[in-house]
Amino acid sequence: MPFGIADIFVILLITIGPLKAAIVYATLTAKADAAFRRHVAIKTVITATIVIVLFVLAGEFILKVFHISLPALKIAGGLILLLFALHMVLGEEKKGQVDNVPPSADIAVYPLAMPLMATPQGIVAIVTVAAGAQTMGDIAILLVLALIVLAINLIVLLLADKIIKFVGPGALMIVGKVVGILLAGLAVQLMISAGTDLGLIAKPLPHS
């Protein structure tokens, strides 16, 4: 395998780790009760796990069947992530009684599980690493490492209510806007990477 175990774990922690999803989860469920937050957290991680396990075991095959290249996956994932990020940054808060209505549990699927936990860049990374695997043992290692990261994600989400109480709704709103800007930048970077892969954008020169 072209990467070591530590390298793969760090890649997975960065791309499918809890940070982005946890901040948005805390923001979206700030006014919900503990039972609802727990339900959303578990549903989020289960959904993301299904997607990630599918791409670990059959990602390269799926792309071949649908004739999708990695650059195309990067562009599509980047667009989805960009649309969500723009909504985070530019979306207006609704006033009135709607504020007292808890969010739907569907947020566990979108945007929490996808694209914030099973991220486009995470899926690309997983498919790339899996494509370089030499044996089924390598695939098993990738799968175990991904499941460890997902277990960390679940723990972080279950503890997010403490973040809500400590930080407060006003600060969460500000953090949500900042994260939205960073996600927009990440989405654009993902599409730039696809352009570089296709030879449409020149690779940056190494620093001397």
N, C-alpha and C. Protein backbone atom coordinates (compact mmCIF):
# COMPACT_ATOMS: atom_id res chain seq x y z
N MET A 1 0.85 -1.18 0.00
CA MET A 1 0.00 0.00 0.00
C MET A 1 0.89 1.24 0.00
N PRO A 2 0.56 2.29 -0.80
CA PRO A 2 1.43 3.44 -0.94
C PRO A 2 1.51 4.30 0.32
N PHE A 3 0.66 4.06 1.32
CA PHE A 3 0.67 4.84 2.55
C PHE A 3 0.89 3.91 3.74
N GLY A 4 1.51 4.45 4.80
CA GLY A 4 1.62 3.70 6.03
C GLY A 4 0.33 3.81 6.83
N ILE A 5 0.22 2.97 7.88
CA ILE A 5 -0.99 2.98 8.70
C ILE A 5 -1.20 4.34 9.34
N ALA A 6 -0.13 4.92 9.88
CA ALA A 6 -0.24 6.24 10.52
C ALA A 6 -0.68 7.30 9.51
N ASP A 7 -0.13 7.21 8.30
CA ASP A 7 -0.50 8.17 7.25
C ASP A 7 -1.99 8.08 6.92
N ILE A 8 -2.47 6.85 6.77
CA ILE A 8 -3.88 6.65 6.43
C ILE A 8 -4.78 7.16 7.55
N PHE A 9 -4.39 6.88 8.80
CA PHE A 9 -5.21 7.32 9.93
C PHE A 9 -5.31 8.84 9.97
N VAL A 10 -4.19 9.52 9.75
CA VAL A 10 -4.20 10.99 9.75
C VAL A 10 -5.06 11.52 8.61
N ILE A 11 -4.93 10.92 7.42
CA ILE A 11 -5.74 11.33 6.28
C ILE A 11 -7.22 11.19 6.59
N LEU A 12 -7.59 10.05 7.17
CA LEU A 12 -9.00 9.81 7.50
C LEU A 12 -9.48 10.76 8.60
N LEU A 13 -8.63 11.01 9.58
CA LEU A 13 -9.02 11.90 10.68
C LEU A 13 -9.27 13.31 10.17
N ILE A 14 -8.48 13.73 9.20
CA ILE A 14 -8.64 15.07 8.64
C ILE A 14 -9.87 15.14 7.74
N THR A 15 -10.06 14.11 6.92
CA THR A 15 -11.10 14.19 5.89
C THR A 15 -12.48 13.73 6.36
N ILE A 16 -12.54 12.73 7.24
CA ILE A 16 -13.85 12.25 7.71
C ILE A 16 -13.96 12.36 9.23
N GLY A 17 -13.09 13.13 9.84
CA GLY A 17 -13.09 13.31 11.29
C GLY A 17 -14.26 14.15 11.77
N PRO A 18 -14.34 14.39 13.09
CA PRO A 18 -15.55 14.96 13.68
C PRO A 18 -15.67 16.48 13.64
N LEU A 19 -14.59 17.21 13.35
CA LEU A 19 -14.59 18.65 13.60
C LEU A 19 -15.72 19.39 12.89
N LYS A 20 -15.78 19.26 11.56
CA LYS A 20 -16.78 20.03 10.79
C LYS A 20 -18.19 19.61 11.17
N ALA A 21 -18.43 18.29 11.19
CA ALA A 21 -19.77 17.80 11.50
C ALA A 21 -20.19 18.18 12.92
N ALA A 22 -19.25 18.15 13.87
CA ALA A 22 -19.59 18.44 15.26
C ALA A 22 -20.02 19.89 15.44
N ILE A 23 -19.33 20.81 14.76
CA ILE A 23 -19.67 22.22 14.90
C ILE A 23 -21.05 22.50 14.30
N VAL A 24 -21.31 21.95 13.12
CA VAL A 24 -22.61 22.16 12.48
C VAL A 24 -23.70 21.45 13.27
N TYR A 25 -23.41 20.25 13.77
CA TYR A 25 -24.36 19.50 14.60
C TYR A 25 -24.74 20.32 15.83
N ALA A 26 -23.75 20.89 16.51
CA ALA A 26 -24.02 21.70 17.70
C ALA A 26 -24.87 22.91 17.36
N THR A 27 -24.61 23.50 16.19
CA THR A 27 -25.38 24.68 15.77
C THR A 27 -26.82 24.32 15.45
N LEU A 28 -27.03 23.24 14.69
CA LEU A 28 -28.37 22.87 14.24
C LEU A 28 -29.24 22.30 15.35
N THR A 29 -28.62 21.70 16.37
CA THR A 29 -29.40 21.06 17.43
C THR A 29 -29.34 21.85 18.74
N ALA A 30 -28.93 23.11 18.66
CA ALA A 30 -28.74 23.91 19.88
C ALA A 30 -30.02 24.03 20.70
N LYS A 31 -31.19 24.04 20.05
CA LYS A 31 -32.46 24.23 20.75
C LYS A 31 -33.24 22.93 20.94
N ALA A 32 -32.62 21.80 20.59
CA ALA A 32 -33.29 20.51 20.72
C ALA A 32 -32.98 19.88 22.07
N ASP A 33 -33.80 18.90 22.46
CA ASP A 33 -33.56 18.23 23.75
C ASP A 33 -32.50 17.15 23.59
N ALA A 34 -32.06 16.60 24.73
CA ALA A 34 -30.95 15.65 24.74
C ALA A 34 -31.27 14.38 23.96
N ALA A 35 -32.52 13.90 24.07
CA ALA A 35 -32.90 12.67 23.37
C ALA A 35 -32.82 12.85 21.85
N PHE A 36 -33.29 14.02 21.39
CA PHE A 36 -33.25 14.29 19.95
C PHE A 36 -31.80 14.38 19.47
N ARG A 37 -30.94 15.08 20.24
CA ARG A 37 -29.54 15.21 19.84
C ARG A 37 -28.86 13.85 19.78
N ARG A 38 -29.16 12.99 20.76
CA ARG A 38 -28.56 11.65 20.76
C ARG A 38 -29.03 10.86 19.54
N HIS A 39 -30.31 10.95 19.22
CA HIS A 39 -30.86 10.24 18.05
C HIS A 39 -30.17 10.71 16.77
N VAL A 40 -30.03 12.02 16.63
CA VAL A 40 -29.39 12.58 15.43
C VAL A 40 -27.92 12.16 15.35
N ALA A 41 -27.23 12.18 16.49
CA ALA A 41 -25.81 11.80 16.50
C ALA A 41 -25.62 10.36 16.04
N ILE A 42 -26.43 9.45 16.59
CA ILE A 42 -26.30 8.04 16.23
C ILE A 42 -26.68 7.81 14.77
N LYS A 43 -27.77 8.44 14.32
CA LYS A 43 -28.20 8.29 12.93
C LYS A 43 -27.16 8.86 11.97
N THR A 44 -26.54 9.96 12.35
CA THR A 44 -25.50 10.57 11.51
C THR A 44 -24.35 9.61 11.30
N VAL A 45 -23.84 9.04 12.40
CA VAL A 45 -22.67 8.17 12.30
C VAL A 45 -23.01 6.87 11.59
N ILE A 46 -24.20 6.33 11.84
CA ILE A 46 -24.60 5.10 11.13
C ILE A 46 -24.68 5.35 9.63
N THR A 47 -25.29 6.46 9.23
CA THR A 47 -25.42 6.79 7.80
C THR A 47 -24.05 6.97 7.17
N ALA A 48 -23.19 7.73 7.84
CA ALA A 48 -21.84 7.97 7.32
C ALA A 48 -21.06 6.66 7.24
N THR A 49 -21.25 5.79 8.23
CA THR A 49 -20.54 4.50 8.23
C THR A 49 -20.93 3.66 7.03
N ILE A 50 -22.23 3.62 6.73
CA ILE A 50 -22.70 2.84 5.57
C ILE A 50 -22.04 3.35 4.28
N VAL A 51 -22.03 4.67 4.13
CA VAL A 51 -21.45 5.26 2.91
C VAL A 51 -19.96 4.96 2.83
N ILE A 52 -19.25 5.15 3.93
CA ILE A 52 -17.80 4.99 3.92
C ILE A 52 -17.40 3.53 3.73
N VAL A 53 -18.08 2.61 4.41
CA VAL A 53 -17.79 1.19 4.23
C VAL A 53 -18.04 0.77 2.78
N LEU A 54 -19.10 1.29 2.20
CA LEU A 54 -19.41 0.98 0.79
C LEU A 54 -18.26 1.41 -0.12
N PHE A 55 -17.73 2.62 0.12
CA PHE A 55 -16.65 3.11 -0.74
C PHE A 55 -15.32 2.45 -0.43
N VAL A 56 -15.11 2.00 0.80
CA VAL A 56 -13.89 1.24 1.11
C VAL A 56 -13.89 -0.08 0.35
N LEU A 57 -15.03 -0.76 0.37
CA LEU A 57 -15.11 -2.10 -0.21
C LEU A 57 -15.34 -2.10 -1.72
N ALA A 58 -16.07 -1.08 -2.21
CA ALA A 58 -16.47 -1.14 -3.63
C ALA A 58 -16.39 0.20 -4.33
N GLY A 59 -15.67 1.17 -3.75
CA GLY A 59 -15.63 2.50 -4.35
C GLY A 59 -15.07 2.53 -5.75
N GLU A 60 -13.94 1.87 -5.94
CA GLU A 60 -13.32 1.85 -7.28
C GLU A 60 -14.24 1.16 -8.28
N PHE A 61 -14.88 0.07 -7.86
CA PHE A 61 -15.80 -0.65 -8.74
C PHE A 61 -16.99 0.23 -9.11
N ILE A 62 -17.55 0.94 -8.12
CA ILE A 62 -18.71 1.82 -8.37
C ILE A 62 -18.35 2.89 -9.39
N LEU A 63 -17.18 3.50 -9.23
CA LEU A 63 -16.78 4.55 -10.17
C LEU A 63 -16.62 3.99 -11.57
N LYS A 64 -16.07 2.77 -11.68
CA LYS A 64 -15.89 2.16 -13.00
C LYS A 64 -17.23 1.83 -13.63
N VAL A 65 -18.15 1.29 -12.84
CA VAL A 65 -19.47 0.92 -13.37
C VAL A 65 -20.19 2.14 -13.95
N PHE A 66 -20.12 3.26 -13.23
CA PHE A 66 -20.80 4.48 -13.68
C PHE A 66 -19.90 5.39 -14.51
N HIS A 67 -18.70 4.89 -14.84
CA HIS A 67 -17.75 5.63 -15.69
C HIS A 67 -17.48 7.03 -15.11
N ILE A 68 -17.21 7.05 -13.80
CA ILE A 68 -16.92 8.31 -13.11
C ILE A 68 -15.44 8.33 -12.75
N SER A 69 -14.75 9.38 -13.16
CA SER A 69 -13.34 9.51 -12.81
C SER A 69 -13.19 10.20 -11.46
N LEU A 70 -12.02 10.08 -10.86
CA LEU A 70 -11.77 10.77 -9.59
C LEU A 70 -11.90 12.29 -9.73
N PRO A 71 -11.38 12.89 -10.82
CA PRO A 71 -11.61 14.34 -10.97
C PRO A 71 -13.09 14.71 -11.02
N ALA A 72 -13.90 13.89 -11.71
CA ALA A 72 -15.34 14.17 -11.77
C ALA A 72 -15.97 14.08 -10.38
N LEU A 73 -15.53 13.08 -9.59
CA LEU A 73 -16.03 12.94 -8.23
C LEU A 73 -15.64 14.14 -7.38
N LYS A 74 -14.42 14.63 -7.58
CA LYS A 74 -13.97 15.81 -6.84
C LYS A 74 -14.83 17.04 -7.18
N ILE A 75 -15.11 17.22 -8.47
CA ILE A 75 -15.91 18.39 -8.89
C ILE A 75 -17.32 18.29 -8.34
N ALA A 76 -17.94 17.11 -8.47
CA ALA A 76 -19.31 16.93 -7.98
C ALA A 76 -19.36 17.13 -6.46
N GLY A 77 -18.42 16.53 -5.76
CA GLY A 77 -18.38 16.69 -4.31
C GLY A 77 -18.11 18.13 -3.91
N GLY A 78 -17.23 18.79 -4.66
CA GLY A 78 -16.94 20.19 -4.37
C GLY A 78 -18.15 21.08 -4.55
N LEU A 79 -18.94 20.82 -5.59
CA LEU A 79 -20.14 21.62 -5.83
C LEU A 79 -21.17 21.44 -4.71
N ILE A 80 -21.37 20.18 -4.29
CA ILE A 80 -22.31 19.92 -3.20
C ILE A 80 -21.87 20.61 -1.92
N LEU A 81 -20.58 20.49 -1.63
CA LEU A 81 -20.04 21.11 -0.41
C LEU A 81 -20.13 22.63 -0.49
N LEU A 82 -19.89 23.18 -1.68
CA LEU A 82 -19.94 24.63 -1.86
C LEU A 82 -21.36 25.16 -1.65
N LEU A 83 -22.35 24.46 -2.19
CA LEU A 83 -23.74 24.90 -2.02
C LEU A 83 -24.14 24.92 -0.55
N PHE A 84 -23.75 23.88 0.17
CA PHE A 84 -24.07 23.85 1.60
C PHE A 84 -23.33 24.95 2.35
N ALA A 85 -22.05 25.16 2.01
CA ALA A 85 -21.25 26.17 2.69
C ALA A 85 -21.82 27.57 2.45
N LEU A 86 -22.26 27.85 1.23
CA LEU A 86 -22.86 29.15 0.93
C LEU A 86 -24.14 29.35 1.73
N HIS A 87 -24.90 28.28 1.91
CA HIS A 87 -26.13 28.39 2.72
C HIS A 87 -25.78 28.71 4.17
N MET A 88 -24.70 28.10 4.66
CA MET A 88 -24.27 28.38 6.04
C MET A 88 -23.86 29.84 6.21
N VAL A 89 -23.18 30.38 5.20
CA VAL A 89 -22.64 31.74 5.31
C VAL A 89 -23.72 32.78 5.04
N LEU A 90 -24.54 32.55 4.00
CA LEU A 90 -25.48 33.57 3.54
C LEU A 90 -26.90 33.34 4.01
N GLY A 91 -27.22 32.15 4.50
CA GLY A 91 -28.58 31.85 4.91
C GLY A 91 -29.03 32.74 6.05
N GLU A 92 -30.30 33.16 6.00
CA GLU A 92 -30.84 34.04 7.02
C GLU A 92 -31.59 33.24 8.07
N GLU A 93 -31.48 33.69 9.29
CA GLU A 93 -32.22 33.06 10.38
C GLU A 93 -33.71 33.38 10.26
N LYS A 94 -34.55 32.37 10.39
CA LYS A 94 -35.99 32.59 10.35
C LYS A 94 -36.48 33.10 11.70
N LYS A 95 -37.38 34.04 11.66
CA LYS A 95 -37.88 34.65 12.90
C LYS A 95 -39.26 34.09 13.24
N GLY A 96 -39.69 34.35 14.47
CA GLY A 96 -41.03 33.98 14.87
C GLY A 96 -41.09 32.62 15.53
N GLN A 97 -42.20 31.95 15.38
CA GLN A 97 -42.42 30.70 16.08
C GLN A 97 -41.56 29.57 15.54
N VAL A 98 -41.06 29.72 14.35
CA VAL A 98 -40.25 28.66 13.77
C VAL A 98 -39.04 28.38 14.63
N ASP A 99 -38.54 29.44 15.34
CA ASP A 99 -37.37 29.28 16.17
C ASP A 99 -37.58 28.25 17.27
N ASN A 100 -38.84 28.04 17.68
CA ASN A 100 -39.12 27.13 18.78
C ASN A 100 -39.34 25.70 18.29
N VAL A 101 -39.34 25.50 17.00
CA VAL A 101 -39.57 24.17 16.44
C VAL A 101 -38.23 23.46 16.28
N PRO A 102 -38.06 22.26 16.86
CA PRO A 102 -36.79 21.56 16.72
C PRO A 102 -36.56 21.14 15.27
N PRO A 103 -35.31 21.04 14.86
CA PRO A 103 -35.02 20.65 13.48
C PRO A 103 -35.46 19.21 13.22
N SER A 104 -35.64 18.88 11.96
CA SER A 104 -36.01 17.51 11.59
C SER A 104 -34.82 16.58 11.79
N ALA A 105 -35.11 15.33 12.10
CA ALA A 105 -34.05 14.32 12.24
C ALA A 105 -33.37 14.05 10.91
N ASP A 106 -33.96 14.53 9.82
CA ASP A 106 -33.35 14.34 8.50
C ASP A 106 -32.00 15.04 8.37
N ILE A 107 -31.72 16.00 9.26
CA ILE A 107 -30.41 16.66 9.21
C ILE A 107 -29.29 15.67 9.46
N ALA A 108 -29.62 14.51 10.05
CA ALA A 108 -28.60 13.49 10.28
C ALA A 108 -28.05 12.96 8.97
N VAL A 109 -28.94 12.89 7.95
CA VAL A 109 -28.50 12.41 6.63
C VAL A 109 -27.84 13.53 5.84
N TYR A 110 -28.54 14.66 5.74
CA TYR A 110 -28.00 15.86 5.08
C TYR A 110 -28.29 17.06 5.97
N PRO A 111 -27.30 17.82 6.37
CA PRO A 111 -25.93 17.82 5.87
C PRO A 111 -24.91 17.08 6.74
N LEU A 112 -25.34 16.47 7.86
CA LEU A 112 -24.35 15.96 8.81
C LEU A 112 -23.60 14.74 8.29
N ALA A 113 -24.34 13.67 7.92
CA ALA A 113 -23.64 12.48 7.42
C ALA A 113 -22.94 12.78 6.10
N MET A 114 -23.68 13.41 5.19
CA MET A 114 -23.12 13.86 3.91
C MET A 114 -23.59 15.29 3.67
N PRO A 115 -22.71 16.23 3.39
CA PRO A 115 -21.31 16.02 3.03
C PRO A 115 -20.32 16.33 4.15
N LEU A 116 -20.76 16.40 5.41
CA LEU A 116 -19.86 16.88 6.47
C LEU A 116 -19.09 15.77 7.18
N MET A 117 -19.61 14.54 7.20
CA MET A 117 -18.85 13.46 7.83
C MET A 117 -18.28 12.53 6.76
N ALA A 118 -19.15 11.97 5.95
CA ALA A 118 -18.66 11.25 4.77
C ALA A 118 -18.42 12.30 3.69
N THR A 119 -17.33 13.02 3.84
CA THR A 119 -17.06 14.19 3.01
C THR A 119 -16.63 13.80 1.60
N PRO A 120 -16.84 14.71 0.63
CA PRO A 120 -16.36 14.41 -0.73
C PRO A 120 -14.87 14.13 -0.77
N GLN A 121 -14.07 14.95 -0.04
CA GLN A 121 -12.63 14.73 -0.05
C GLN A 121 -12.27 13.43 0.67
N GLY A 122 -13.08 13.04 1.67
CA GLY A 122 -12.85 11.79 2.35
C GLY A 122 -13.11 10.60 1.45
N ILE A 123 -14.20 10.66 0.68
CA ILE A 123 -14.52 9.58 -0.25
C ILE A 123 -13.44 9.46 -1.32
N VAL A 124 -12.98 10.61 -1.82
CA VAL A 124 -11.90 10.59 -2.81
C VAL A 124 -10.65 9.95 -2.22
N ALA A 125 -10.30 10.33 -0.98
CA ALA A 125 -9.12 9.78 -0.33
C ALA A 125 -9.26 8.27 -0.13
N ILE A 126 -10.43 7.83 0.30
CA ILE A 126 -10.67 6.41 0.55
C ILE A 126 -10.55 5.61 -0.74
N VAL A 127 -11.17 6.11 -1.81
CA VAL A 127 -11.10 5.40 -3.09
C VAL A 127 -9.66 5.35 -3.59
N THR A 128 -8.92 6.44 -3.40
CA THR A 128 -7.52 6.48 -3.85
C THR A 128 -6.67 5.48 -3.08
N VAL A 129 -6.82 5.45 -1.76
CA VAL A 129 -6.04 4.51 -0.94
C VAL A 129 -6.44 3.07 -1.26
N ALA A 130 -7.75 2.82 -1.40
CA ALA A 130 -8.22 1.47 -1.70
C ALA A 130 -7.71 1.00 -3.05
N ALA A 131 -7.61 1.94 -4.00
CA ALA A 131 -7.12 1.57 -5.34
C ALA A 131 -5.65 1.15 -5.29
N GLY A 132 -4.91 1.69 -4.31
CA GLY A 132 -3.50 1.33 -4.18
C GLY A 132 -3.26 0.12 -3.30
N ALA A 133 -4.32 -0.45 -2.74
CA ALA A 133 -4.17 -1.62 -1.87
C ALA A 133 -3.73 -2.83 -2.67
N GLN A 134 -2.79 -3.59 -2.11
CA GLN A 134 -2.25 -4.75 -2.81
C GLN A 134 -2.96 -6.05 -2.43
N THR A 135 -3.49 -6.10 -1.21
CA THR A 135 -4.11 -7.33 -0.72
C THR A 135 -5.42 -7.01 0.00
N MET A 136 -6.18 -8.05 0.30
CA MET A 136 -7.40 -7.87 1.10
C MET A 136 -7.05 -7.42 2.51
N GLY A 137 -5.85 -7.79 2.97
CA GLY A 137 -5.40 -7.33 4.28
C GLY A 137 -5.27 -5.82 4.32
N ASP A 138 -4.79 -5.22 3.23
CA ASP A 138 -4.68 -3.77 3.15
C ASP A 138 -6.05 -3.12 3.21
N ILE A 139 -7.02 -3.71 2.51
CA ILE A 139 -8.39 -3.20 2.54
C ILE A 139 -8.96 -3.30 3.96
N ALA A 140 -8.65 -4.42 4.64
CA ALA A 140 -9.14 -4.62 6.01
C ALA A 140 -8.56 -3.55 6.94
N ILE A 141 -7.28 -3.22 6.76
CA ILE A 141 -6.65 -2.18 7.58
C ILE A 141 -7.34 -0.84 7.35
N LEU A 142 -7.59 -0.51 6.09
CA LEU A 142 -8.26 0.74 5.75
C LEU A 142 -9.65 0.77 6.40
N LEU A 143 -10.37 -0.34 6.34
CA LEU A 143 -11.71 -0.41 6.91
C LEU A 143 -11.68 -0.22 8.43
N VAL A 144 -10.74 -0.89 9.11
CA VAL A 144 -10.64 -0.77 10.56
C VAL A 144 -10.31 0.66 10.97
N LEU A 145 -9.37 1.29 10.25
CA LEU A 145 -9.00 2.67 10.57
C LEU A 145 -10.18 3.62 10.37
N ALA A 146 -10.95 3.40 9.31
CA ALA A 146 -12.12 4.24 9.06
C ALA A 146 -13.15 4.07 10.17
N LEU A 147 -13.35 2.83 10.63
CA LEU A 147 -14.31 2.57 11.70
C LEU A 147 -13.86 3.20 13.02
N ILE A 148 -12.55 3.22 13.27
CA ILE A 148 -12.03 3.87 14.47
C ILE A 148 -12.34 5.37 14.44
N VAL A 149 -12.11 6.00 13.29
CA VAL A 149 -12.39 7.43 13.15
C VAL A 149 -13.88 7.69 13.34
N LEU A 150 -14.71 6.83 12.78
CA LEU A 150 -16.16 7.00 12.93
C LEU A 150 -16.61 6.83 14.38
N ALA A 151 -15.95 5.93 15.12
CA ALA A 151 -16.25 5.78 16.55
C ALA A 151 -15.89 7.06 17.31
N ILE A 152 -14.77 7.67 16.94
CA ILE A 152 -14.37 8.95 17.53
C ILE A 152 -15.42 10.01 17.22
N ASN A 153 -15.91 10.00 15.99
CA ASN A 153 -16.95 10.95 15.58
C ASN A 153 -18.19 10.82 16.47
N LEU A 154 -18.60 9.59 16.73
CA LEU A 154 -19.80 9.37 17.55
C LEU A 154 -19.59 9.91 18.97
N ILE A 155 -18.44 9.65 19.54
CA ILE A 155 -18.14 10.14 20.89
C ILE A 155 -18.20 11.66 20.94
N VAL A 156 -17.60 12.31 19.94
CA VAL A 156 -17.58 13.77 19.90
C VAL A 156 -18.99 14.33 19.77
N LEU A 157 -19.81 13.74 18.91
CA LEU A 157 -21.18 14.23 18.73
C LEU A 157 -22.01 14.04 20.01
N LEU A 158 -21.82 12.91 20.68
CA LEU A 158 -22.58 12.67 21.90
C LEU A 158 -22.21 13.64 23.02
N LEU A 159 -21.00 14.18 22.95
CA LEU A 159 -20.56 15.14 23.96
C LEU A 159 -20.81 16.59 23.53
N ALA A 160 -21.37 16.76 22.34
CA ALA A 160 -21.53 18.11 21.79
C ALA A 160 -22.49 18.96 22.60
N ASP A 161 -23.42 18.35 23.35
CA ASP A 161 -24.35 19.14 24.15
C ASP A 161 -23.62 19.97 25.20
N LYS A 162 -22.50 19.46 25.69
CA LYS A 162 -21.69 20.21 26.64
C LYS A 162 -21.08 21.44 25.97
N ILE A 163 -20.74 21.29 24.68
CA ILE A 163 -20.22 22.43 23.92
C ILE A 163 -21.30 23.49 23.79
N ILE A 164 -22.54 23.05 23.52
CA ILE A 164 -23.65 23.98 23.37
C ILE A 164 -23.84 24.80 24.64
N LYS A 165 -23.85 24.12 25.80
CA LYS A 165 -24.06 24.81 27.07
C LYS A 165 -22.91 25.77 27.38
N PHE A 166 -21.70 25.38 27.03
CA PHE A 166 -20.53 26.19 27.38
C PHE A 166 -20.39 27.40 26.46
N VAL A 167 -20.60 27.19 25.17
CA VAL A 167 -20.34 28.25 24.19
C VAL A 167 -21.51 29.22 24.08
N GLY A 168 -22.75 28.70 23.99
CA GLY A 168 -23.90 29.57 23.83
C GLY A 168 -24.30 29.73 22.38
N PRO A 169 -25.59 30.03 22.11
CA PRO A 169 -26.10 30.09 20.74
C PRO A 169 -25.47 31.20 19.90
N GLY A 170 -25.19 32.36 20.50
CA GLY A 170 -24.60 33.47 19.74
C GLY A 170 -23.23 33.11 19.19
N ALA A 171 -22.40 32.53 20.05
CA ALA A 171 -21.06 32.13 19.61
C ALA A 171 -21.13 31.02 18.57
N LEU A 172 -22.09 30.09 18.76
CA LEU A 172 -22.24 29.01 17.79
C LEU A 172 -22.61 29.54 16.41
N MET A 173 -23.44 30.60 16.39
CA MET A 173 -23.81 31.19 15.10
C MET A 173 -22.58 31.76 14.40
N ILE A 174 -21.74 32.44 15.16
CA ILE A 174 -20.53 33.02 14.58
C ILE A 174 -19.60 31.91 14.09
N VAL A 175 -19.42 30.89 14.93
CA VAL A 175 -18.56 29.77 14.53
C VAL A 175 -19.10 29.10 13.28
N GLY A 176 -20.44 28.96 13.21
CA GLY A 176 -21.06 28.36 12.03
C GLY A 176 -20.75 29.13 10.75
N LYS A 177 -20.78 30.47 10.84
CA LYS A 177 -20.45 31.30 9.67
C LYS A 177 -18.99 31.11 9.26
N VAL A 178 -18.10 31.09 10.27
CA VAL A 178 -16.67 30.92 9.98
C VAL A 178 -16.42 29.55 9.35
N VAL A 179 -17.04 28.51 9.90
CA VAL A 179 -16.88 27.17 9.34
C VAL A 179 -17.43 27.12 7.92
N GLY A 180 -18.54 27.82 7.67
CA GLY A 180 -19.09 27.88 6.32
C GLY A 180 -18.11 28.47 5.32
N ILE A 181 -17.41 29.53 5.73
CA ILE A 181 -16.40 30.15 4.86
C ILE A 181 -15.27 29.16 4.57
N LEU A 182 -14.81 28.46 5.63
CA LEU A 182 -13.73 27.49 5.45
C LEU A 182 -14.17 26.33 4.57
N LEU A 183 -15.41 25.88 4.75
CA LEU A 183 -15.92 24.80 3.91
C LEU A 183 -16.03 25.23 2.45
N ALA A 184 -16.42 26.49 2.23
CA ALA A 184 -16.48 27.00 0.85
C ALA A 184 -15.09 26.98 0.22
N GLY A 185 -14.09 27.41 0.99
CA GLY A 185 -12.72 27.36 0.48
C GLY A 185 -12.27 25.95 0.19
N LEU A 186 -12.64 25.01 1.08
CA LEU A 186 -12.29 23.61 0.87
C LEU A 186 -12.97 23.06 -0.38
N ALA A 187 -14.21 23.45 -0.61
CA ALA A 187 -14.94 23.00 -1.80
C ALA A 187 -14.27 23.50 -3.07
N VAL A 188 -13.89 24.76 -3.07
CA VAL A 188 -13.21 25.33 -4.24
C VAL A 188 -11.86 24.64 -4.45
N GLN A 189 -11.14 24.37 -3.34
CA GLN A 189 -9.85 23.70 -3.44
C GLN A 189 -10.01 22.30 -4.04
N LEU A 190 -11.10 21.63 -3.68
CA LEU A 190 -11.35 20.30 -4.22
C LEU A 190 -11.56 20.36 -5.73
N MET A 191 -12.26 21.39 -6.20
CA MET A 191 -12.48 21.55 -7.65
C MET A 191 -11.20 21.98 -8.36
N ILE A 192 -10.38 22.80 -7.71
CA ILE A 192 -9.08 23.17 -8.28
C ILE A 192 -8.21 21.92 -8.44
N SER A 193 -8.26 21.04 -7.42
CA SER A 193 -7.50 19.79 -7.48
C SER A 193 -7.93 18.95 -8.67
N ALA A 194 -9.26 18.93 -8.94
CA ALA A 194 -9.76 18.19 -10.09
C ALA A 194 -9.24 18.81 -11.39
N GLY A 195 -9.21 20.15 -11.44
CA GLY A 195 -8.68 20.83 -12.62
C GLY A 195 -7.21 20.52 -12.85
N THR A 196 -6.46 20.41 -11.75
CA THR A 196 -5.04 20.04 -11.85
C THR A 196 -4.89 18.62 -12.36
N ASP A 197 -5.72 17.70 -11.85
CA ASP A 197 -5.67 16.31 -12.31
C ASP A 197 -5.95 16.21 -13.81
N LEU A 198 -6.85 17.06 -14.29
CA LEU A 198 -7.23 17.02 -15.71
C LEU A 198 -6.28 17.82 -16.60
N GLY A 199 -5.30 18.48 -16.00
CA GLY A 199 -4.36 19.28 -16.76
C GLY A 199 -4.90 20.64 -17.18
N LEU A 200 -6.04 21.04 -16.62
CA LEU A 200 -6.63 22.33 -16.96
C LEU A 200 -5.99 23.46 -16.14
N ILE A 201 -5.43 23.11 -14.99
CA ILE A 201 -4.78 24.09 -14.13
C ILE A 201 -3.36 23.60 -13.86
N ALA A 202 -2.41 24.49 -14.02
CA ALA A 202 -1.02 24.11 -13.82
C ALA A 202 -0.74 23.79 -12.36
N LYS A 203 0.07 22.77 -12.13
CA LYS A 203 0.44 22.42 -10.76
C LYS A 203 1.33 23.52 -10.20
N PRO A 204 1.15 23.89 -8.92
CA PRO A 204 2.01 24.93 -8.33
C PRO A 204 3.45 24.46 -8.27
N LEU A 205 4.35 25.38 -8.53
CA LEU A 205 5.77 25.05 -8.47
C LEU A 205 6.20 24.82 -7.03
N PRO A 206 7.09 23.84 -6.78
CA PRO A 206 7.56 23.61 -5.41
C PRO A 206 8.37 24.79 -4.93
N HIS A 207 8.24 25.09 -3.63
CA HIS A 207 9.02 26.19 -3.05
C HIS A 207 10.49 25.82 -3.00
N SER A 208 11.33 26.78 -3.32
CA SER A 208 12.77 26.52 -3.30
C SER A 208 13.30 26.66 -1.88
